[in-house]
Amino acid sequence: MESWKLKLKGTFNELKGKIKEQYADLTDDDLLYEEGQDEQFIGRIQQKTGKTKEELAKWIDEL
């Protein structure tokens, strides 16, 4: 499993706060995460930020 997916599962509440700090225009609905819905979560963030999946995965790994 990709490391960003493990990070989503392990420390999501902390990660959510950091994402909101970086991208204040993301709503709570955008940041809704459900187990097994990794791709949908990243897709919503991609739409709002204009970043690629790879850019977001790297960024999440670095948080």
PDB file of N, CA and C in Angstrom:
ATOM      1  N   MET A   1       0.839  -1.185   0.000  1.00  0.00           N
ATOM      2  CA  MET A   1       0.000   0.000   0.000  1.00  0.00           C
ATOM      3  C   MET A   1       0.882   1.246   0.000  1.00  0.00           C
ATOM      4  N   GLU A   2       0.449   2.251  -0.710  1.00  0.00           N
ATOM      5  CA  GLU A   2       1.211   3.485  -0.795  1.00  0.00           C
ATOM      6  C   GLU A   2       1.253   4.174   0.565  1.00  0.00           C
ATOM      7  N   SER A   3       2.370   4.824   0.860  1.00  0.00           N
ATOM      8  CA  SER A   3       2.549   5.414   2.189  1.00  0.00           C
ATOM      9  C   SER A   3       1.543   6.513   2.490  1.00  0.00           C
ATOM     10  N   TRP A   4       1.126   7.287   1.483  1.00  0.00           N
ATOM     11  CA  TRP A   4       0.140   8.337   1.756  1.00  0.00           C
ATOM     12  C   TRP A   4      -1.185   7.742   2.190  1.00  0.00           C
ATOM     13  N   LYS A   5      -1.525   6.558   1.679  1.00  0.00           N
ATOM     14  CA  LYS A   5      -2.771   5.912   2.090  1.00  0.00           C
ATOM     15  C   LYS A   5      -2.677   5.451   3.543  1.00  0.00           C
ATOM     16  N   LEU A   6      -1.527   4.941   3.942  1.00  0.00           N
ATOM     17  CA  LEU A   6      -1.334   4.534   5.334  1.00  0.00           C
ATOM     18  C   LEU A   6      -1.428   5.735   6.263  1.00  0.00           C
ATOM     19  N   LYS A   7      -0.878   6.856   5.819  1.00  0.00           N
ATOM     20  CA  LYS A   7      -0.922   8.068   6.632  1.00  0.00           C
ATOM     21  C   LYS A   7      -2.356   8.559   6.788  1.00  0.00           C
ATOM     22  N   LEU A   8      -3.144   8.466   5.728  1.00  0.00           N
ATOM     23  CA  LEU A   8      -4.554   8.852   5.815  1.00  0.00           C
ATOM     24  C   LEU A   8      -5.266   8.025   6.873  1.00  0.00           C
ATOM     25  N   LYS A   9      -5.011   6.737   6.883  1.00  0.00           N
ATOM     26  CA  LYS A   9      -5.682   5.845   7.820  1.00  0.00           C
ATOM     27  C   LYS A   9      -5.211   6.071   9.253  1.00  0.00           C
ATOM     28  N   GLY A  10      -3.921   6.322   9.427  1.00  0.00           N
ATOM     29  CA  GLY A  10      -3.352   6.368  10.768  1.00  0.00           C
ATOM     30  C   GLY A  10      -3.556   7.657  11.521  1.00  0.00           C
ATOM     31  N   THR A  11      -3.439   8.784  10.859  1.00  0.00           N
ATOM     32  CA  THR A  11      -3.466  10.059  11.575  1.00  0.00           C
ATOM     33  C   THR A  11      -4.362  11.064  10.857  1.00  0.00           C
ATOM     34  N   PHE A  12      -5.543  10.619  10.451  1.00  0.00           N
ATOM     35  CA  PHE A  12      -6.354  11.470   9.598  1.00  0.00           C
ATOM     36  C   PHE A  12      -6.762  12.782  10.252  1.00  0.00           C
ATOM     37  N   ASN A  13      -7.159  12.791  11.507  1.00  0.00           N
ATOM     38  CA  ASN A  13      -7.609  14.039  12.129  1.00  0.00           C
ATOM     39  C   ASN A  13      -6.500  15.079  12.156  1.00  0.00           C
ATOM     40  N   GLU A  14      -5.301  14.661  12.496  1.00  0.00           N
ATOM     41  CA  GLU A  14      -4.154  15.572  12.484  1.00  0.00           C
ATOM     42  C   GLU A  14      -3.871  16.035  11.061  1.00  0.00           C
ATOM     43  N   LEU A  15      -3.904  15.111  10.131  1.00  0.00           N
ATOM     44  CA  LEU A  15      -3.655  15.413   8.724  1.00  0.00           C
ATOM     45  C   LEU A  15      -4.702  16.381   8.185  1.00  0.00           C
ATOM     46  N   LYS A  16      -5.950  16.176   8.551  1.00  0.00           N
ATOM     47  CA  LYS A  16      -7.042  17.048   8.108  1.00  0.00           C
ATOM     48  C   LYS A  16      -6.779  18.493   8.529  1.00  0.00           C
ATOM     49  N   GLY A  17      -6.331  18.687   9.759  1.00  0.00           N
ATOM     50  CA  GLY A  17      -6.011  20.027  10.243  1.00  0.00           C
ATOM     51  C   GLY A  17      -4.906  20.680   9.433  1.00  0.00           C
ATOM     52  N   LYS A  18      -3.885  19.918   9.107  1.00  0.00           N
ATOM     53  CA  LYS A  18      -2.769  20.455   8.323  1.00  0.00           C
ATOM     54  C   LYS A  18      -3.202  20.793   6.902  1.00  0.00           C
ATOM     55  N   ILE A  19      -4.074  19.966   6.333  1.00  0.00           N
ATOM     56  CA  ILE A  19      -4.576  20.232   4.989  1.00  0.00           C
ATOM     57  C   ILE A  19      -5.394  21.525   4.990  1.00  0.00           C
ATOM     58  N   LYS A  20      -6.234  21.705   6.004  1.00  0.00           N
ATOM     59  CA  LYS A  20      -7.050  22.921   6.095  1.00  0.00           C
ATOM     60  C   LYS A  20      -6.182  24.161   6.279  1.00  0.00           C
ATOM     61  N   GLU A  21      -5.083  24.033   7.007  1.00  0.00           N
ATOM     62  CA  GLU A  21      -4.159  25.163   7.163  1.00  0.00           C
ATOM     63  C   GLU A  21      -3.592  25.582   5.812  1.00  0.00           C
ATOM     64  N   GLN A  22      -3.222  24.613   5.018  1.00  0.00           N
ATOM     65  CA  GLN A  22      -2.595  24.869   3.718  1.00  0.00           C
ATOM     66  C   GLN A  22      -3.616  25.331   2.680  1.00  0.00           C
ATOM     67  N   TYR A  23      -4.802  24.734   2.703  1.00  0.00           N
ATOM     68  CA  TYR A  23      -5.834  25.015   1.706  1.00  0.00           C
ATOM     69  C   TYR A  23      -7.123  25.388   2.423  1.00  0.00           C
ATOM     70  N   ALA A  24      -7.212  26.633   2.851  1.00  0.00           N
ATOM     71  CA  ALA A  24      -8.344  27.097   3.653  1.00  0.00           C
ATOM     72  C   ALA A  24      -9.677  27.023   2.906  1.00  0.00           C
ATOM     73  N   ASP A  25      -9.648  26.993   1.588  1.00  0.00           N
ATOM     74  CA  ASP A  25     -10.900  26.962   0.822  1.00  0.00           C
ATOM     75  C   ASP A  25     -11.527  25.573   0.757  1.00  0.00           C
ATOM     76  N   LEU A  26     -10.859  24.556   1.287  1.00  0.00           N
ATOM     77  CA  LEU A  26     -11.444  23.218   1.335  1.00  0.00           C
ATOM     78  C   LEU A  26     -12.484  23.152   2.444  1.00  0.00           C
ATOM     79  N   THR A  27     -13.626  22.581   2.141  1.00  0.00           N
ATOM     80  CA  THR A  27     -14.706  22.468   3.121  1.00  0.00           C
ATOM     81  C   THR A  27     -14.591  21.150   3.884  1.00  0.00           C
ATOM     82  N   ASP A  28     -15.388  21.021   4.924  1.00  0.00           N
ATOM     83  CA  ASP A  28     -15.429  19.757   5.663  1.00  0.00           C
ATOM     84  C   ASP A  28     -15.918  18.630   4.758  1.00  0.00           C
ATOM     85  N   ASP A  29     -16.834  18.932   3.845  1.00  0.00           N
ATOM     86  CA  ASP A  29     -17.298  17.917   2.885  1.00  0.00           C
ATOM     87  C   ASP A  29     -16.164  17.464   1.979  1.00  0.00           C
ATOM     88  N   ASP A  30     -15.308  18.420   1.557  1.00  0.00           N
ATOM     89  CA  ASP A  30     -14.162  18.060   0.719  1.00  0.00           C
ATOM     90  C   ASP A  30     -13.222  17.124   1.468  1.00  0.00           C
ATOM     91  N   LEU A  31     -13.131  17.318   2.765  1.00  0.00           N
ATOM     92  CA  LEU A  31     -12.182  16.558   3.580  1.00  0.00           C
ATOM     93  C   LEU A  31     -12.815  15.357   4.273  1.00  0.00           C
ATOM     94  N   LEU A  32     -14.009  14.983   3.839  1.00  0.00           N
ATOM     95  CA  LEU A  32     -14.652  13.796   4.386  1.00  0.00           C
ATOM     96  C   LEU A  32     -13.901  12.564   3.892  1.00  0.00           C
ATOM     97  N   TYR A  33     -13.429  11.773   4.835  1.00  0.00           N
ATOM     98  CA  TYR A  33     -12.670  10.572   4.482  1.00  0.00           C
ATOM     99  C   TYR A  33     -13.327   9.353   5.092  1.00  0.00           C
ATOM    100  N   GLU A  34     -13.534   8.361   4.273  1.00  0.00           N
ATOM    101  CA  GLU A  34     -14.050   7.082   4.749  1.00  0.00           C
ATOM    102  C   GLU A  34     -13.063   5.994   4.354  1.00  0.00           C
ATOM    103  N   GLU A  35     -12.876   5.058   5.234  1.00  0.00           N
ATOM    104  CA  GLU A  35     -11.972   3.931   4.975  1.00  0.00           C
ATOM    105  C   GLU A  35     -12.289   3.296   3.623  1.00  0.00           C
ATOM    106  N   GLY A  36     -11.262   3.104   2.834  1.00  0.00           N
ATOM    107  CA  GLY A  36     -11.426   2.487   1.518  1.00  0.00           C
ATOM    108  C   GLY A  36     -11.785   3.471   0.418  1.00  0.00           C
ATOM    109  N   GLN A  37     -11.942   4.736   0.765  1.00  0.00           N
ATOM    110  CA  GLN A  37     -12.316   5.757  -0.210  1.00  0.00           C
ATOM    111  C   GLN A  37     -11.148   6.702  -0.512  1.00  0.00           C
ATOM    112  N   ASP A  38      -9.928   6.171  -0.487  1.00  0.00           N
ATOM    113  CA  ASP A  38      -8.721   6.976  -0.669  1.00  0.00           C
ATOM    114  C   ASP A  38      -8.725   7.743  -1.990  1.00  0.00           C
ATOM    115  N   GLU A  39      -9.060   7.051  -3.063  1.00  0.00           N
ATOM    116  CA  GLU A  39      -9.008   7.666  -4.389  1.00  0.00           C
ATOM    117  C   GLU A  39     -10.043   8.791  -4.522  1.00  0.00           C
ATOM    118  N   GLN A  40     -11.234   8.590  -3.956  1.00  0.00           N
ATOM    119  CA  GLN A  40     -12.263   9.618  -4.009  1.00  0.00           C
ATOM    120  C   GLN A  40     -11.835  10.845  -3.204  1.00  0.00           C
ATOM    121  N   PHE A  41     -11.213  10.604  -2.054  1.00  0.00           N
ATOM    122  CA  PHE A  41     -10.720  11.697  -1.214  1.00  0.00           C
ATOM    123  C   PHE A  41      -9.688  12.528  -1.978  1.00  0.00           C
ATOM    124  N   ILE A  42      -8.705  11.860  -2.545  1.00  0.00           N
ATOM    125  CA  ILE A  42      -7.665  12.565  -3.300  1.00  0.00           C
ATOM    126  C   ILE A  42      -8.280  13.278  -4.503  1.00  0.00           C
ATOM    127  N   GLY A  43      -9.245  12.669  -5.151  1.00  0.00           N
ATOM    128  CA  GLY A  43      -9.906  13.285  -6.299  1.00  0.00           C
ATOM    129  C   GLY A  43     -10.580  14.600  -5.944  1.00  0.00           C
ATOM    130  N   ARG A  44     -11.258  14.651  -4.796  1.00  0.00           N
ATOM    131  CA  ARG A  44     -11.904  15.897  -4.360  1.00  0.00           C
ATOM    132  C   ARG A  44     -10.865  16.984  -4.110  1.00  0.00           C
ATOM    133  N   ILE A  45      -9.760  16.607  -3.470  1.00  0.00           N
ATOM    134  CA  ILE A  45      -8.719  17.596  -3.187  1.00  0.00           C
ATOM    135  C   ILE A  45      -8.060  18.053  -4.489  1.00  0.00           C
ATOM    136  N   GLN A  46      -7.869  17.137  -5.432  1.00  0.00           N
ATOM    137  CA  GLN A  46      -7.311  17.501  -6.735  1.00  0.00           C
ATOM    138  C   GLN A  46      -8.176  18.550  -7.416  1.00  0.00           C
ATOM    139  N   GLN A  47      -9.475  18.360  -7.407  1.00  0.00           N
ATOM    140  CA  GLN A  47     -10.388  19.298  -8.057  1.00  0.00           C
ATOM    141  C   GLN A  47     -10.274  20.688  -7.461  1.00  0.00           C
ATOM    142  N   LYS A  48     -10.130  20.783  -6.154  1.00  0.00           N
ATOM    143  CA  LYS A  48     -10.085  22.085  -5.481  1.00  0.00           C
ATOM    144  C   LYS A  48      -8.719  22.763  -5.578  1.00  0.00           C
ATOM    145  N   THR A  49      -7.641  21.958  -5.612  1.00  0.00           N
ATOM    146  CA  THR A  49      -6.301  22.546  -5.572  1.00  0.00           C
ATOM    147  C   THR A  49      -5.623  22.628  -6.930  1.00  0.00           C
ATOM    148  N   GLY A  50      -6.073  21.807  -7.883  1.00  0.00           N
ATOM    149  CA  GLY A  50      -5.430  21.778  -9.193  1.00  0.00           C
ATOM    150  C   GLY A  50      -4.126  21.000  -9.211  1.00  0.00           C
ATOM    151  N   LYS A  51      -3.821  20.301  -8.118  1.00  0.00           N
ATOM    152  CA  LYS A  51      -2.592  19.512  -8.043  1.00  0.00           C
ATOM    153  C   LYS A  51      -2.838  18.110  -8.587  1.00  0.00           C
ATOM    154  N   THR A  52      -1.761  17.470  -9.029  1.00  0.00           N
ATOM    155  CA  THR A  52      -1.874  16.096  -9.512  1.00  0.00           C
ATOM    156  C   THR A  52      -1.922  15.140  -8.319  1.00  0.00           C
ATOM    157  N   LYS A  53      -2.350  13.922  -8.591  1.00  0.00           N
ATOM    158  CA  LYS A  53      -2.383  12.894  -7.544  1.00  0.00           C
ATOM    159  C   LYS A  53      -0.989  12.689  -6.970  1.00  0.00           C
ATOM    160  N   GLU A  54       0.010  12.669  -7.836  1.00  0.00           N
ATOM    161  CA  GLU A  54       1.391  12.456  -7.392  1.00  0.00           C
ATOM    162  C   GLU A  54       1.858  13.598  -6.501  1.00  0.00           C
ATOM    163  N   GLU A  55       1.522  14.851  -6.863  1.00  0.00           N
ATOM    164  CA  GLU A  55       1.899  15.997  -6.038  1.00  0.00           C
ATOM    165  C   GLU A  55       1.241  15.919  -4.656  1.00  0.00           C
ATOM    166  N   LEU A  56      -0.040  15.559  -4.643  1.00  0.00           N
ATOM    167  CA  LEU A  56      -0.746  15.449  -3.373  1.00  0.00           C
ATOM    168  C   LEU A  56      -0.212  14.298  -2.525  1.00  0.00           C
ATOM    169  N   ALA A  57       0.071  13.163  -3.151  1.00  0.00           N
ATOM    170  CA  ALA A  57       0.610  12.023  -2.419  1.00  0.00           C
ATOM    171  C   ALA A  57       1.951  12.386  -1.772  1.00  0.00           C
ATOM    172  N   LYS A  58       2.799  13.059  -2.515  1.00  0.00           N
ATOM    173  CA  LYS A  58       4.108  13.477  -1.987  1.00  0.00           C
ATOM    174  C   LYS A  58       3.920  14.457  -0.847  1.00  0.00           C
ATOM    175  N   TRP A  59       3.015  15.417  -1.021  1.00  0.00           N
ATOM    176  CA  TRP A  59       2.757  16.405  -0.003  1.00  0.00           C
ATOM    177  C   TRP A  59       2.241  15.759   1.280  1.00  0.00           C
ATOM    178  N   ILE A  60       1.305  14.812   1.161  1.00  0.00           N
ATOM    179  CA  ILE A  60       0.772  14.102   2.331  1.00  0.00           C
ATOM    180  C   ILE A  60       1.878  13.322   3.021  1.00  0.00           C
ATOM    181  N   ASP A  61       2.740  12.677   2.242  1.00  0.00           N
ATOM    182  CA  ASP A  61       3.864  11.933   2.835  1.00  0.00           C
ATOM    183  C   ASP A  61       4.771  12.840   3.639  1.00  0.00           C
ATOM    184  N   GLU A  62       4.911  14.110   3.215  1.00  0.00           N
ATOM    185  CA  GLU A  62       5.822  15.042   3.868  1.00  0.00           C
ATOM    186  C   GLU A  62       5.214  15.715   5.095  1.00  0.00           C
ATOM    187  N   LEU A  63       3.908  15.623   5.266  1.00  0.00           N
ATOM    188  CA  LEU A  63       3.261  16.263   6.425  1.00  0.00           C
ATOM    189  C   LEU A  63       3.626  15.551   7.713  1.00  0.00           C
TER     190      LEU A  63
END
